[in-house]
């Protein structure tokens, strides 16, 4: 079973940076596609970024491309989201997700099977 735990969220000013981490504390050693999603108050969950099992392919939402970078370290069973030049509209709870079937990066939440509890990111001046 995959158990995902996010960390690294917090309060930052516009233009600031954060790095989120998502650690798989489960016992599985298999690699799979992983992604980041976010949900702001009053809005539906939306895709942020995804990465293939090998880390060689990534995809991003248009709203974050050029500012966010997703990466993974399979030896540490951890995926990261480097968030630069943060904007107030980035404020949301950020969730890490893992797919049990998909190897390539995927933007659809329905293709992910395991989810973390989320970490709050607040961007405010």
C-alpha atoms as a PDB file:
ATOM      1  CA  UNK A   1       0.000   0.000   0.000  1.00  0.00           C
ATOM      2  CA  UNK A   2       1.183   3.504  -0.846  1.00  0.00           C
ATOM      3  CA  UNK A   3       1.082   6.042   1.962  1.00  0.00           C
ATOM      4  CA  UNK A   4       1.815   9.613   0.898  1.00  0.00           C
ATOM      5  CA  UNK A   5       2.727  12.423   3.269  1.00  0.00           C
ATOM      6  CA  UNK A   6       3.173  16.012   2.070  1.00  0.00           C
ATOM      7  CA  UNK A   7       5.295  18.615   3.792  1.00  0.00           C
ATOM      8  CA  UNK A   8       6.842  22.004   3.129  1.00  0.00           C
ATOM      9  CA  UNK A   9       3.793  24.221   2.926  1.00  0.00           C
ATOM     10  CA  UNK A  10       3.538  27.540   4.668  1.00  0.00           C
ATOM     11  CA  UNK A  11       2.923  31.257   4.383  1.00  0.00           C
ATOM     12  CA  UNK A  12       4.952  33.232   1.852  1.00  0.00           C
ATOM     13  CA  UNK A  13       4.752  36.647   0.248  1.00  0.00           C
ATOM     14  CA  UNK A  14       4.067  37.051  -3.463  1.00  0.00           C
ATOM     15  CA  UNK A  15       7.227  36.340  -5.416  1.00  0.00           C
ATOM     16  CA  UNK A  16       8.527  33.982  -2.771  1.00  0.00           C
ATOM     17  CA  UNK A  17       9.402  30.313  -3.061  1.00  0.00           C
ATOM     18  CA  UNK A  18       8.556  27.045  -1.375  1.00  0.00           C
ATOM     19  CA  UNK A  19       9.551  23.452  -1.961  1.00  0.00           C
ATOM     20  CA  UNK A  20       6.968  20.817  -1.230  1.00  0.00           C
ATOM     21  CA  UNK A  21       7.926  17.229  -0.534  1.00  0.00           C
ATOM     22  CA  UNK A  22       5.839  14.095  -0.798  1.00  0.00           C
ATOM     23  CA  UNK A  23       7.258  11.002   0.830  1.00  0.00           C
ATOM     24  CA  UNK A  24       5.929   7.503   0.304  1.00  0.00           C
ATOM     25  CA  UNK A  25       6.040   5.900   3.717  1.00  0.00           C
ATOM     26  CA  UNK A  26       4.520   2.681   2.432  1.00  0.00           C
ATOM     27  CA  UNK A  27       6.437  -0.511   1.873  1.00  0.00           C
ATOM     28  CA  UNK A  28       6.096  -0.755  -1.892  1.00  0.00           C
ATOM     29  CA  UNK A  29       9.231  -0.297  -3.979  1.00  0.00           C
ATOM     30  CA  UNK A  30       7.482  -0.012  -7.321  1.00  0.00           C
ATOM     31  CA  UNK A  31       7.705   3.274  -9.156  1.00  0.00           C
ATOM     32  CA  UNK A  32       4.773   4.939 -10.858  1.00  0.00           C
ATOM     33  CA  UNK A  33       3.586   8.257 -12.172  1.00  0.00           C
ATOM     34  CA  UNK A  34       3.082  10.894  -9.504  1.00  0.00           C
ATOM     35  CA  UNK A  35       1.438  14.264  -9.532  1.00  0.00           C
ATOM     36  CA  UNK A  36       0.559  17.367  -7.598  1.00  0.00           C
ATOM     37  CA  UNK A  37      -2.934  18.817  -7.394  1.00  0.00           C
ATOM     38  CA  UNK A  38      -4.337  21.750  -5.465  1.00  0.00           C
ATOM     39  CA  UNK A  39      -7.670  22.926  -4.178  1.00  0.00           C
ATOM     40  CA  UNK A  40      -8.487  26.496  -3.221  1.00  0.00           C
ATOM     41  CA  UNK A  41     -11.432  27.416  -0.981  1.00  0.00           C
ATOM     42  CA  UNK A  42     -14.687  27.252  -2.903  1.00  0.00           C
ATOM     43  CA  UNK A  43     -13.057  25.736  -5.976  1.00  0.00           C
ATOM     44  CA  UNK A  44     -12.608  22.266  -7.381  1.00  0.00           C
ATOM     45  CA  UNK A  45      -9.360  20.373  -7.227  1.00  0.00           C
ATOM     46  CA  UNK A  46      -7.104  21.190 -10.157  1.00  0.00           C
ATOM     47  CA  UNK A  47      -4.026  19.682 -11.716  1.00  0.00           C
ATOM     48  CA  UNK A  48      -0.646  21.281 -11.053  1.00  0.00           C
ATOM     49  CA  UNK A  49       2.159  19.001 -12.259  1.00  0.00           C
ATOM     50  CA  UNK A  50       2.958  15.361 -12.955  1.00  0.00           C
ATOM     51  CA  UNK A  51       6.062  13.271 -13.491  1.00  0.00           C
ATOM     52  CA  UNK A  52       6.719   9.880 -15.073  1.00  0.00           C
ATOM     53  CA  UNK A  53       7.989   6.878 -13.167  1.00  0.00           C
ATOM     54  CA  UNK A  54      11.560   7.535 -14.277  1.00  0.00           C
ATOM     55  CA  UNK A  55      11.426  11.285 -13.822  1.00  0.00           C
ATOM     56  CA  UNK A  56      12.301  11.772 -17.470  1.00  0.00           C
ATOM     57  CA  UNK A  57       8.998  13.302 -18.516  1.00  0.00           C
ATOM     58  CA  UNK A  58       6.900  15.993 -16.880  1.00  0.00           C
ATOM     59  CA  UNK A  59       3.794  18.005 -17.584  1.00  0.00           C
ATOM     60  CA  UNK A  60       2.444  21.179 -16.003  1.00  0.00           C
ATOM     61  CA  UNK A  61      -0.701  23.205 -15.815  1.00  0.00           C
ATOM     62  CA  UNK A  62      -0.497  26.346 -17.926  1.00  0.00           C
ATOM     63  CA  UNK A  63      -0.918  28.468 -14.818  1.00  0.00           C
ATOM     64  CA  UNK A  64       2.301  27.192 -13.223  1.00  0.00           C
ATOM     65  CA  UNK A  65       4.577  26.289 -16.132  1.00  0.00           C
ATOM     66  CA  UNK A  66       7.806  28.217 -15.927  1.00  0.00           C
ATOM     67  CA  UNK A  67       7.390  28.797 -12.210  1.00  0.00           C
ATOM     68  CA  UNK A  68       7.010  25.309 -10.744  1.00  0.00           C
ATOM     69  CA  UNK A  69       9.271  22.297 -11.203  1.00  0.00           C
ATOM     70  CA  UNK A  70       8.373  18.731 -10.294  1.00  0.00           C
ATOM     71  CA  UNK A  71      11.075  16.160  -9.633  1.00  0.00           C
ATOM     72  CA  UNK A  72      11.478  12.826  -7.909  1.00  0.00           C
ATOM     73  CA  UNK A  73      14.071  10.748  -6.142  1.00  0.00           C
ATOM     74  CA  UNK A  74      13.012   7.134  -6.372  1.00  0.00           C
ATOM     75  CA  UNK A  75      15.765   5.978  -4.043  1.00  0.00           C
ATOM     76  CA  UNK A  76      14.211   8.170  -1.354  1.00  0.00           C
ATOM     77  CA  UNK A  77      10.656   7.452  -2.551  1.00  0.00           C
ATOM     78  CA  UNK A  78      10.020  11.177  -2.603  1.00  0.00           C
ATOM     79  CA  UNK A  79       8.581  13.611  -5.123  1.00  0.00           C
ATOM     80  CA  UNK A  80       9.164  17.354  -4.933  1.00  0.00           C
ATOM     81  CA  UNK A  81       7.473  20.482  -6.172  1.00  0.00           C
ATOM     82  CA  UNK A  82       9.699  23.537  -6.349  1.00  0.00           C
ATOM     83  CA  UNK A  83       7.443  26.585  -6.405  1.00  0.00           C
ATOM     84  CA  UNK A  84       8.985  29.890  -7.461  1.00  0.00           C
ATOM     85  CA  UNK A  85       7.532  33.340  -8.031  1.00  0.00           C
ATOM     86  CA  UNK A  86       4.445  32.435  -6.076  1.00  0.00           C
ATOM     87  CA  UNK A  87       1.252  34.370  -6.680  1.00  0.00           C
ATOM     88  CA  UNK A  88      -1.804  34.888  -4.456  1.00  0.00           C
ATOM     89  CA  UNK A  89      -3.801  32.671  -6.800  1.00  0.00           C
ATOM     90  CA  UNK A  90      -1.455  29.805  -5.907  1.00  0.00           C
ATOM     91  CA  UNK A  91      -2.991  29.749  -2.440  1.00  0.00           C
ATOM     92  CA  UNK A  92      -4.483  26.305  -1.919  1.00  0.00           C
ATOM     93  CA  UNK A  93      -4.091  22.996  -0.212  1.00  0.00           C
ATOM     94  CA  UNK A  94      -1.605  20.996  -2.266  1.00  0.00           C
ATOM     95  CA  UNK A  95      -2.051  17.260  -2.593  1.00  0.00           C
ATOM     96  CA  UNK A  96       0.394  14.626  -3.737  1.00  0.00           C
ATOM     97  CA  UNK A  97      -0.957  11.697  -5.736  1.00  0.00           C
ATOM     98  CA  UNK A  98       0.351   8.421  -7.125  1.00  0.00           C
ATOM     99  CA  UNK A  99      -0.997   6.198  -9.873  1.00  0.00           C
ATOM    100  CA  UNK A 100      -0.957   2.431  -9.657  1.00  0.00           C
ATOM    101  CA  UNK A 101      -1.377   2.026 -13.436  1.00  0.00           C
ATOM    102  CA  UNK A 102       0.092   4.970 -15.299  1.00  0.00           C
ATOM    103  CA  UNK A 103       3.798   5.285 -16.052  1.00  0.00           C
ATOM    104  CA  UNK A 104       3.830   8.579 -17.929  1.00  0.00           C
ATOM    105  CA  UNK A 105       2.828  11.955 -16.524  1.00  0.00           C
ATOM    106  CA  UNK A 106      -0.922  12.418 -16.398  1.00  0.00           C
ATOM    107  CA  UNK A 107      -3.035  15.463 -15.623  1.00  0.00           C
ATOM    108  CA  UNK A 108      -6.264  13.657 -14.806  1.00  0.00           C
ATOM    109  CA  UNK A 109      -7.079  13.198 -11.149  1.00  0.00           C
ATOM    110  CA  UNK A 110      -9.134  10.130 -12.042  1.00  0.00           C
ATOM    111  CA  UNK A 111      -5.927   8.348 -13.050  1.00  0.00           C
ATOM    112  CA  UNK A 112      -4.474   8.582  -9.560  1.00  0.00           C
ATOM    113  CA  UNK A 113      -5.209   6.051  -6.870  1.00  0.00           C
ATOM    114  CA  UNK A 114      -3.355   7.225  -3.771  1.00  0.00           C
ATOM    115  CA  UNK A 115      -3.535  10.650  -2.198  1.00  0.00           C
ATOM    116  CA  UNK A 116      -1.813  12.450   0.623  1.00  0.00           C
ATOM    117  CA  UNK A 117      -3.559  14.536   3.254  1.00  0.00           C
ATOM    118  CA  UNK A 118      -2.419  17.830   1.773  1.00  0.00           C
ATOM    119  CA  UNK A 119      -0.260  20.734   2.842  1.00  0.00           C
ATOM    120  CA  UNK A 120      -1.429  24.343   2.984  1.00  0.00           C
ATOM    121  CA  UNK A 121       0.274  26.958   0.831  1.00  0.00           C
ATOM    122  CA  UNK A 122      -0.744  30.547   1.465  1.00  0.00           C
ATOM    123  CA  UNK A 123       0.610  33.395  -0.657  1.00  0.00           C
ATOM    124  CA  UNK A 124      -0.258  36.771   0.819  1.00  0.00           C
ATOM    125  CA  UNK A 125       1.331  40.166   1.312  1.00  0.00           C
END
